[in-house]
Structures are given as C-alpha cells and as structure tokens.
C-alpha cells in the first residue's frame, strides 16, 4: 500500500492541518487503488486518460467529487506533473461552474437595458445562453438582424459572457477588461500578470473608470484560467 509519506510532509509544509492532510491522502489512495485495479497502472505513471476514467467513475456521486479532484490536483502539483494538475483543476472548475447560480446579462455593468430586455424576451437571460446563441459570427449577425440590436452590442455581450468564465470575473471586472481591450480569454491569456496590472492601473487613472485594477493574485489566476479554459466562441480575426 502506497503510504504517501513525502506527500504528507509536502502538505504539512503548505500549512494544511492534520485532519485535512489525512483526508487528502485518503482520497489519493482511492484514486491510486482505482488505477491499480481498473487501469493496471500506478498513480505516478497516470495519464489524462486515466484521470478521465476515474472522473467518469465518480462524477455521479452526490458529494465529495470536488474534494477528490482537489486532492489529485495537489498530488500532481507535488509531483510536478503540470499536465495532470491542470486537467484535475479544470475538471473541478467545470463541475463547480455548473452548480453556480447562472450569471445574468443584466448584471453586467454598462449594458443597455433596452437591449438586454429584448434578449430576455427571446430567452437569452444568462451568460450561458448568450454564449450558446452568439457563438459564431453568423449566429451574432442573425441575432442582430432578428432583434434589431446593433451587431457590436451583441458582440459586446458575448465577449462579456466569455470573460465571465474566467473565475471571479463578473460585473465590474468584465467591464474593466472589456473596456481596456482585454476583451476575450485569448487576449487575457497572452498577457504577463505584472504587465497587465500596470496597463490596467494606467487605464483606470486615464479613463476615470469607477473601480480599481485587480490585485496581482487575481490577475495571475485569471490569466492561468484563460490559458486552460476551453474556447467556446468563434471570433473574427479582428475580434479575437
């Protein structure tokens, strides 16, 4: 039986309390046993396909799945297996996002209420619905023509919705990034956190934006998420 002694020391160095450490190790043991019994491999040699198979086996549990994925991601962080760390974290984020209260278009700062009302009347209330109905240039053009909403406004709401998938980016943050020109996950992913913070501080000061630039940790998390998040919107080259 794998004892995870070095992993235990690693977790304690990270400041985890003893009961948390033992819970994380217990969850990793379950994963390791699954790999040995069902995949004929061990946890250190695991692949994305192995992790996906484990997730398929546990995803219907009513509780504990997020903690299982957190334990696995921490183990692969300890092992410097970045591809599996990222994949476990991505599965966990996707699961959490499904359970979050859907964010509504009307809650974004700076959107035109008359346009949002028209969208709502046609069943487009949340960011998920906006992304689904406006995912391609053709979709956005048809929606614009059907509802009489300017195409640039449709694109704006799609981009705000797309940005909202990057963690804690909602009303004010999405508006700040959009107005400052970092208006898609692809653009966010191209930035260095320190340089982006400098740019946003300058933009807020120059424009009089009613808000402050995000702190370094928040920006780092947003950029890392942007690099990993699945692309769901097709943009024209000039918009991407």
C-alpha atoms as a PDB file:
ATOM      1  CA  UNK A   1       0.000   0.000   0.000  1.00  0.00           C
ATOM      2  CA  UNK A   2       1.368   3.389  -1.005  1.00  0.00           C
ATOM      3  CA  UNK A   3       1.849   5.412   2.179  1.00  0.00           C
ATOM      4  CA  UNK A   4       2.286   8.886   0.667  1.00  0.00           C
ATOM      5  CA  UNK A   5       4.826   9.843   3.350  1.00  0.00           C
ATOM      6  CA  UNK A   6       6.553  12.512   1.252  1.00  0.00           C
ATOM      7  CA  UNK A   7       3.217  13.866   0.071  1.00  0.00           C
ATOM      8  CA  UNK A   8       2.133  14.127   3.720  1.00  0.00           C
ATOM      9  CA  UNK A   9       5.249  16.171   4.512  1.00  0.00           C
ATOM     10  CA  UNK A  10       4.610  18.363   1.479  1.00  0.00           C
ATOM     11  CA  UNK A  11       1.037  19.111   2.572  1.00  0.00           C
ATOM     12  CA  UNK A  12       2.156  19.951   6.090  1.00  0.00           C
ATOM     13  CA  UNK A  13       4.799  22.326   4.718  1.00  0.00           C
ATOM     14  CA  UNK A  14       1.960  24.052   2.859  1.00  0.00           C
ATOM     15  CA  UNK A  15       0.242  24.662   6.182  1.00  0.00           C
ATOM     16  CA  UNK A  16      -2.515  22.049   5.892  1.00  0.00           C
ATOM     17  CA  UNK A  17      -3.980  20.904   9.197  1.00  0.00           C
ATOM     18  CA  UNK A  18      -3.542  17.264  10.158  1.00  0.00           C
ATOM     19  CA  UNK A  19      -7.160  16.233   9.575  1.00  0.00           C
ATOM     20  CA  UNK A  20      -7.107  17.916   6.149  1.00  0.00           C
ATOM     21  CA  UNK A  21      -3.849  16.181   5.254  1.00  0.00           C
ATOM     22  CA  UNK A  22      -5.238  12.754   6.130  1.00  0.00           C
ATOM     23  CA  UNK A  23      -8.444  13.391   4.175  1.00  0.00           C
ATOM     24  CA  UNK A  24      -6.461  14.408   1.081  1.00  0.00           C
ATOM     25  CA  UNK A  25      -4.246  11.343   1.353  1.00  0.00           C
ATOM     26  CA  UNK A  26      -7.267   9.090   1.808  1.00  0.00           C
ATOM     27  CA  UNK A  27      -8.772  10.434  -1.421  1.00  0.00           C
ATOM     28  CA  UNK A  28      -5.477   9.915  -3.271  1.00  0.00           C
ATOM     29  CA  UNK A  29      -5.384   6.326  -2.014  1.00  0.00           C
ATOM     30  CA  UNK A  30      -8.809   5.697  -3.547  1.00  0.00           C
ATOM     31  CA  UNK A  31      -7.557   7.118  -6.845  1.00  0.00           C
ATOM     32  CA  UNK A  32      -4.368   5.017  -6.656  1.00  0.00           C
ATOM     33  CA  UNK A  33      -6.368   1.851  -5.974  1.00  0.00           C
ATOM     34  CA  UNK A  34      -8.652   2.589  -8.906  1.00  0.00           C
ATOM     35  CA  UNK A  35      -5.659   2.959 -11.201  1.00  0.00           C
ATOM     36  CA  UNK A  36      -4.121  -0.294  -9.995  1.00  0.00           C
ATOM     37  CA  UNK A  37      -7.331  -2.309 -10.248  1.00  0.00           C
ATOM     38  CA  UNK A  38      -9.046  -0.795 -13.281  1.00  0.00           C
ATOM     39  CA  UNK A  39      -6.233   0.716 -15.343  1.00  0.00           C
ATOM     40  CA  UNK A  40      -3.303  -1.552 -14.420  1.00  0.00           C
ATOM     41  CA  UNK A  41      -1.030   1.377 -13.683  1.00  0.00           C
ATOM     42  CA  UNK A  42       0.098   3.411 -10.694  1.00  0.00           C
ATOM     43  CA  UNK A  43      -0.628   6.954  -9.618  1.00  0.00           C
ATOM     44  CA  UNK A  44       2.817   8.287 -10.553  1.00  0.00           C
ATOM     45  CA  UNK A  45       2.531   6.955 -14.101  1.00  0.00           C
ATOM     46  CA  UNK A  46      -1.077   8.088 -14.559  1.00  0.00           C
ATOM     47  CA  UNK A  47      -2.212   9.869 -17.711  1.00  0.00           C
ATOM     48  CA  UNK A  48      -5.018  12.256 -18.593  1.00  0.00           C
ATOM     49  CA  UNK A  49      -6.937   9.256 -19.921  1.00  0.00           C
ATOM     50  CA  UNK A  50      -6.562   7.522 -16.546  1.00  0.00           C
ATOM     51  CA  UNK A  51      -7.771  10.604 -14.719  1.00  0.00           C
ATOM     52  CA  UNK A  52     -10.701  10.962 -17.086  1.00  0.00           C
ATOM     53  CA  UNK A  53     -11.656   7.305 -16.494  1.00  0.00           C
ATOM     54  CA  UNK A  54     -11.600   7.896 -12.727  1.00  0.00           C
ATOM     55  CA  UNK A  55     -13.722  11.017 -13.093  1.00  0.00           C
ATOM     56  CA  UNK A  56     -16.273   9.122 -15.184  1.00  0.00           C
ATOM     57  CA  UNK A  57     -16.453   6.530 -12.398  1.00  0.00           C
ATOM     58  CA  UNK A  58     -17.065   9.064  -9.600  1.00  0.00           C
ATOM     59  CA  UNK A  59     -18.821  12.014 -11.225  1.00  0.00           C
ATOM     60  CA  UNK A  60     -22.302  10.828 -10.266  1.00  0.00           C
ATOM     61  CA  UNK A  61     -21.517  10.804  -6.536  1.00  0.00           C
ATOM     62  CA  UNK A  62     -23.690  13.301  -4.680  1.00  0.00           C
ATOM     63  CA  UNK A  63     -20.812  14.583  -2.516  1.00  0.00           C
ATOM     64  CA  UNK A  64     -17.042  14.594  -2.366  1.00  0.00           C
ATOM     65  CA  UNK A  65     -16.148  14.727  -6.061  1.00  0.00           C
ATOM     66  CA  UNK A  66     -14.707  18.242  -5.890  1.00  0.00           C
ATOM     67  CA  UNK A  67     -12.586  17.238  -2.900  1.00  0.00           C
ATOM     68  CA  UNK A  68     -11.389  14.128  -4.746  1.00  0.00           C
ATOM     69  CA  UNK A  69     -10.254  16.275  -7.681  1.00  0.00           C
ATOM     70  CA  UNK A  70      -8.641  18.788  -5.331  1.00  0.00           C
ATOM     71  CA  UNK A  71      -6.638  16.016  -3.656  1.00  0.00           C
ATOM     72  CA  UNK A  72      -5.497  14.660  -7.015  1.00  0.00           C
ATOM     73  CA  UNK A  73      -4.509  18.101  -8.274  1.00  0.00           C
ATOM     74  CA  UNK A  74      -2.455  18.700  -5.128  1.00  0.00           C
ATOM     75  CA  UNK A  75      -0.744  15.347  -5.532  1.00  0.00           C
ATOM     76  CA  UNK A  76       0.263  16.098  -9.090  1.00  0.00           C
ATOM     77  CA  UNK A  77       1.407  19.574  -8.069  1.00  0.00           C
ATOM     78  CA  UNK A  78       3.665  17.822  -5.535  1.00  0.00           C
ATOM     79  CA  UNK A  79       4.900  15.518  -8.305  1.00  0.00           C
ATOM     80  CA  UNK A  80       5.420  18.408 -10.768  1.00  0.00           C
ATOM     81  CA  UNK A  81       3.044  16.763 -13.252  1.00  0.00           C
ATOM     82  CA  UNK A  82       1.653  20.041 -14.584  1.00  0.00           C
ATOM     83  CA  UNK A  83      -0.485  18.461 -17.303  1.00  0.00           C
ATOM     84  CA  UNK A  84      -2.386  16.346 -14.762  1.00  0.00           C
ATOM     85  CA  UNK A  85      -2.508  19.146 -12.216  1.00  0.00           C
ATOM     86  CA  UNK A  86      -4.126  21.376 -14.855  1.00  0.00           C
ATOM     87  CA  UNK A  87      -6.517  18.670 -16.008  1.00  0.00           C
ATOM     88  CA  UNK A  88      -7.714  17.799 -12.499  1.00  0.00           C
ATOM     89  CA  UNK A  89      -8.139  21.509 -11.715  1.00  0.00           C
ATOM     90  CA  UNK A  90     -10.052  22.031 -14.958  1.00  0.00           C
ATOM     91  CA  UNK A  91     -12.455  19.158 -14.225  1.00  0.00           C
ATOM     92  CA  UNK A  92     -13.039  20.575 -10.746  1.00  0.00           C
ATOM     93  CA  UNK A  93     -13.663  24.098 -12.055  1.00  0.00           C
ATOM     94  CA  UNK A  94     -16.099  22.826 -14.679  1.00  0.00           C
ATOM     95  CA  UNK A  95     -18.024  20.926 -12.028  1.00  0.00           C
ATOM     96  CA  UNK A  96     -18.164  23.921  -9.715  1.00  0.00           C
ATOM     97  CA  UNK A  97     -19.238  26.275 -12.501  1.00  0.00           C
ATOM     98  CA  UNK A  98     -22.222  24.062 -13.364  1.00  0.00           C
ATOM     99  CA  UNK A  99     -23.527  24.419  -9.808  1.00  0.00           C
ATOM    100  CA  UNK A 100     -23.037  28.175  -9.594  1.00  0.00           C
ATOM    101  CA  UNK A 101     -26.052  30.427  -9.881  1.00  0.00           C
ATOM    102  CA  UNK A 102     -26.179  31.434 -13.563  1.00  0.00           C
ATOM    103  CA  UNK A 103     -24.953  34.997 -14.036  1.00  0.00           C
ATOM    104  CA  UNK A 104     -27.451  37.230 -15.818  1.00  0.00           C
ATOM    105  CA  UNK A 105     -26.631  39.612 -18.653  1.00  0.00           C
ATOM    106  CA  UNK A 106     -28.480  42.444 -16.916  1.00  0.00           C
ATOM    107  CA  UNK A 107     -25.981  42.234 -14.038  1.00  0.00           C
ATOM    108  CA  UNK A 108     -23.027  43.323 -16.173  1.00  0.00           C
ATOM    109  CA  UNK A 109     -22.050  46.940 -15.669  1.00  0.00           C
ATOM    110  CA  UNK A 110     -22.737  49.243 -18.606  1.00  0.00           C
ATOM    111  CA  UNK A 111     -25.122  47.109 -20.663  1.00  0.00           C
ATOM    112  CA  UNK A 112     -28.090  48.841 -22.301  1.00  0.00           C
ATOM    113  CA  UNK A 113     -31.268  47.796 -20.522  1.00  0.00           C
ATOM    114  CA  UNK A 114     -33.423  48.038 -23.631  1.00  0.00           C
ATOM    115  CA  UNK A 115     -31.177  45.611 -25.476  1.00  0.00           C
ATOM    116  CA  UNK A 116     -30.979  43.231 -22.517  1.00  0.00           C
ATOM    117  CA  UNK A 117     -34.773  43.271 -22.243  1.00  0.00           C
ATOM    118  CA  UNK A 118     -35.098  42.309 -25.907  1.00  0.00           C
ATOM    119  CA  UNK A 119     -32.662  39.452 -25.407  1.00  0.00           C
ATOM    120  CA  UNK A 120     -34.540  38.274 -22.314  1.00  0.00           C
ATOM    121  CA  UNK A 121     -37.822  38.291 -24.223  1.00  0.00           C
ATOM    122  CA  UNK A 122     -36.219  35.868 -26.667  1.00  0.00           C
ATOM    123  CA  UNK A 123     -34.924  33.514 -23.976  1.00  0.00           C
ATOM    124  CA  UNK A 124     -31.400  34.905 -23.602  1.00  0.00           C
ATOM    125  CA  UNK A 125     -31.132  35.745 -19.925  1.00  0.00           C
ATOM    126  CA  UNK A 126     -27.843  34.265 -18.676  1.00  0.00           C
ATOM    127  CA  UNK A 127     -24.250  34.322 -19.881  1.00  0.00           C
ATOM    128  CA  UNK A 128     -24.511  30.662 -20.841  1.00  0.00           C
ATOM    129  CA  UNK A 129     -27.493  31.350 -23.070  1.00  0.00           C
ATOM    130  CA  UNK A 130     -25.701  34.324 -24.631  1.00  0.00           C
ATOM    131  CA  UNK A 131     -22.672  32.202 -25.444  1.00  0.00           C
ATOM    132  CA  UNK A 132     -24.821  29.461 -26.927  1.00  0.00           C
ATOM    133  CA  UNK A 133     -26.853  31.805 -29.130  1.00  0.00           C
ATOM    134  CA  UNK A 134     -23.922  34.008 -30.161  1.00  0.00           C
ATOM    135  CA  UNK A 135     -21.050  31.557 -30.526  1.00  0.00           C
ATOM    136  CA  UNK A 136     -20.291  32.229 -34.224  1.00  0.00           C
ATOM    137  CA  UNK A 137     -20.174  35.396 -36.359  1.00  0.00           C
ATOM    138  CA  UNK A 138     -23.157  34.071 -38.327  1.00  0.00           C
ATOM    139  CA  UNK A 139     -25.147  33.470 -35.128  1.00  0.00           C
ATOM    140  CA  UNK A 140     -24.456  37.003 -33.948  1.00  0.00           C
ATOM    141  CA  UNK A 141     -25.409  38.544 -37.286  1.00  0.00           C
ATOM    142  CA  UNK A 142     -28.701  36.634 -37.388  1.00  0.00           C
ATOM    143  CA  UNK A 143     -29.472  37.593 -33.781  1.00  0.00           C
ATOM    144  CA  UNK A 144     -28.728  41.250 -34.509  1.00  0.00           C
ATOM    145  CA  UNK A 145     -30.977  41.296 -37.544  1.00  0.00           C
ATOM    146  CA  UNK A 146     -33.788  39.410 -35.821  1.00  0.00           C
ATOM    147  CA  UNK A 147     -33.891  41.571 -32.683  1.00  0.00           C
ATOM    148  CA  UNK A 148     -32.788  44.904 -34.099  1.00  0.00           C
ATOM    149  CA  UNK A 149     -29.855  45.119 -31.696  1.00  0.00           C
ATOM    150  CA  UNK A 150     -26.612  46.541 -33.164  1.00  0.00           C
ATOM    151  CA  UNK A 151     -24.132  43.820 -34.047  1.00  0.00           C
ATOM    152  CA  UNK A 152     -21.432  45.496 -31.964  1.00  0.00           C
ATOM    153  CA  UNK A 153     -23.685  45.262 -28.892  1.00  0.00           C
ATOM    154  CA  UNK A 154     -24.356  41.568 -29.487  1.00  0.00           C
ATOM    155  CA  UNK A 155     -20.597  41.010 -29.774  1.00  0.00           C
ATOM    156  CA  UNK A 156     -20.031  43.038 -26.598  1.00  0.00           C
ATOM    157  CA  UNK A 157     -22.428  40.864 -24.601  1.00  0.00           C
ATOM    158  CA  UNK A 158     -20.863  37.691 -25.986  1.00  0.00           C
ATOM    159  CA  UNK A 159     -17.397  38.895 -25.006  1.00  0.00           C
ATOM    160  CA  UNK A 160     -18.510  39.913 -21.508  1.00  0.00           C
ATOM    161  CA  UNK A 161     -20.106  36.485 -21.122  1.00  0.00           C
ATOM    162  CA  UNK A 162     -16.943  34.784 -22.370  1.00  0.00           C
ATOM    163  CA  UNK A 163     -14.788  36.716 -19.898  1.00  0.00           C
ATOM    164  CA  UNK A 164     -17.125  35.774 -17.060  1.00  0.00           C
ATOM    165  CA  UNK A 165     -15.955  32.163 -17.378  1.00  0.00           C
ATOM    166  CA  UNK A 166     -12.523  33.107 -16.022  1.00  0.00           C
ATOM    167  CA  UNK A 167     -13.211  32.651 -12.334  1.00  0.00           C
ATOM    168  CA  UNK A 168     -14.282  35.702 -10.317  1.00  0.00           C
ATOM    169  CA  UNK A 169     -14.775  37.941 -13.353  1.00  0.00           C
ATOM    170  CA  UNK A 170     -18.301  39.234 -13.358  1.00  0.00           C
ATOM    171  CA  UNK A 171     -19.967  42.674 -13.428  1.00  0.00           C
ATOM    172  CA  UNK A 172     -17.214  45.218 -12.761  1.00  0.00           C
ATOM    173  CA  UNK A 173     -14.151  43.140 -13.681  1.00  0.00           C
ATOM    174  CA  UNK A 174     -15.609  42.011 -17.006  1.00  0.00           C
ATOM    175  CA  UNK A 175     -16.438  45.617 -17.867  1.00  0.00           C
ATOM    176  CA  UNK A 176     -12.951  46.809 -16.928  1.00  0.00           C
ATOM    177  CA  UNK A 177     -11.226  44.150 -19.036  1.00  0.00           C
ATOM    178  CA  UNK A 178     -13.578  44.709 -21.955  1.00  0.00           C
ATOM    179  CA  UNK A 179     -13.185  48.497 -21.918  1.00  0.00           C
ATOM    180  CA  UNK A 180      -9.405  48.210 -21.570  1.00  0.00           C
ATOM    181  CA  UNK A 181      -9.228  45.984 -24.657  1.00  0.00           C
ATOM    182  CA  UNK A 182      -8.558  42.657 -22.925  1.00  0.00           C
ATOM    183  CA  UNK A 183     -11.942  41.517 -24.129  1.00  0.00           C
ATOM    184  CA  UNK A 184     -11.569  37.776 -24.808  1.00  0.00           C
ATOM    185  CA  UNK A 185      -9.992  34.846 -22.938  1.00  0.00           C
ATOM    186  CA  UNK A 186      -7.481  34.563 -25.795  1.00  0.00           C
ATOM    187  CA  UNK A 187      -6.283  38.114 -25.243  1.00  0.00           C
ATOM    188  CA  UNK A 188      -6.183  37.586 -21.482  1.00  0.00           C
ATOM    189  CA  UNK A 189      -4.007  34.501 -21.937  1.00  0.00           C
ATOM    190  CA  UNK A 190      -1.408  36.493 -23.876  1.00  0.00           C
ATOM    191  CA  UNK A 191      -0.605  38.850 -21.003  1.00  0.00           C
ATOM    192  CA  UNK A 192       2.039  38.752 -18.302  1.00  0.00           C
ATOM    193  CA  UNK A 193       0.346  39.436 -14.910  1.00  0.00           C
ATOM    194  CA  UNK A 194       2.677  42.287 -13.926  1.00  0.00           C
ATOM    195  CA  UNK A 195       2.390  43.993 -17.293  1.00  0.00           C
ATOM    196  CA  UNK A 196      -1.391  43.610 -17.335  1.00  0.00           C
ATOM    197  CA  UNK A 197      -1.674  45.160 -13.884  1.00  0.00           C
ATOM    198  CA  UNK A 198       0.443  48.133 -14.947  1.00  0.00           C
ATOM    199  CA  UNK A 199      -1.715  48.605 -18.028  1.00  0.00           C
ATOM    200  CA  UNK A 200      -4.964  48.422 -16.056  1.00  0.00           C
ATOM    201  CA  UNK A 201      -3.730  50.843 -13.372  1.00  0.00           C
ATOM    202  CA  UNK A 202      -2.853  53.281 -16.144  1.00  0.00           C
ATOM    203  CA  UNK A 203      -6.204  52.720 -17.877  1.00  0.00           C
ATOM    204  CA  UNK A 204      -8.227  53.311 -14.688  1.00  0.00           C
ATOM    205  CA  UNK A 205      -6.315  56.525 -13.991  1.00  0.00           C
ATOM    206  CA  UNK A 206      -6.538  57.757 -17.568  1.00  0.00           C
ATOM    207  CA  UNK A 207     -10.194  56.897 -18.175  1.00  0.00           C
ATOM    208  CA  UNK A 208     -11.671  57.632 -14.775  1.00  0.00           C
ATOM    209  CA  UNK A 209     -13.102  54.103 -14.624  1.00  0.00           C
ATOM    210  CA  UNK A 210     -15.183  53.673 -11.472  1.00  0.00           C
ATOM    211  CA  UNK A 211     -13.172  50.864  -9.904  1.00  0.00           C
ATOM    212  CA  UNK A 212      -9.652  49.699  -9.207  1.00  0.00           C
ATOM    213  CA  UNK A 213      -7.233  47.436 -11.027  1.00  0.00           C
ATOM    214  CA  UNK A 214      -7.257  43.814  -9.804  1.00  0.00           C
ATOM    215  CA  UNK A 215      -4.603  42.669  -7.369  1.00  0.00           C
ATOM    216  CA  UNK A 216      -1.667  40.596  -8.709  1.00  0.00           C
ATOM    217  CA  UNK A 217      -3.008  37.253  -7.434  1.00  0.00           C
ATOM    218  CA  UNK A 218      -6.395  37.813  -9.052  1.00  0.00           C
ATOM    219  CA  UNK A 219      -4.766  38.686 -12.372  1.00  0.00           C
ATOM    220  CA  UNK A 220      -2.470  35.674 -12.209  1.00  0.00           C
ATOM    221  CA  UNK A 221      -5.435  33.364 -11.603  1.00  0.00           C
ATOM    222  CA  UNK A 222      -7.422  34.918 -14.448  1.00  0.00           C
ATOM    223  CA  UNK A 223      -4.538  34.543 -16.899  1.00  0.00           C
ATOM    224  CA  UNK A 224      -3.841  30.950 -15.863  1.00  0.00           C
ATOM    225  CA  UNK A 225      -7.532  30.087 -16.259  1.00  0.00           C
ATOM    226  CA  UNK A 226      -7.629  31.804 -19.661  1.00  0.00           C
ATOM    227  CA  UNK A 227      -4.770  29.610 -20.832  1.00  0.00           C
ATOM    228  CA  UNK A 228      -6.624  26.436 -19.845  1.00  0.00           C
ATOM    229  CA  UNK A 229     -10.287  27.207 -20.484  1.00  0.00           C
ATOM    230  CA  UNK A 230     -11.932  25.607 -23.494  1.00  0.00           C
ATOM    231  CA  UNK A 231     -12.674  28.017 -26.354  1.00  0.00           C
ATOM    232  CA  UNK A 232     -16.431  28.168 -26.918  1.00  0.00           C
ATOM    233  CA  UNK A 233     -16.774  31.286 -29.101  1.00  0.00           C
ATOM    234  CA  UNK A 234     -15.703  31.715 -32.710  1.00  0.00           C
ATOM    235  CA  UNK A 235     -14.437  35.244 -33.255  1.00  0.00           C
ATOM    236  CA  UNK A 236     -13.475  37.049 -36.416  1.00  0.00           C
ATOM    237  CA  UNK A 237      -9.709  37.512 -36.576  1.00  0.00           C
ATOM    238  CA  UNK A 238     -10.023  41.216 -35.731  1.00  0.00           C
ATOM    239  CA  UNK A 239     -12.095  40.446 -32.612  1.00  0.00           C
ATOM    240  CA  UNK A 240     -10.127  37.537 -31.191  1.00  0.00           C
END
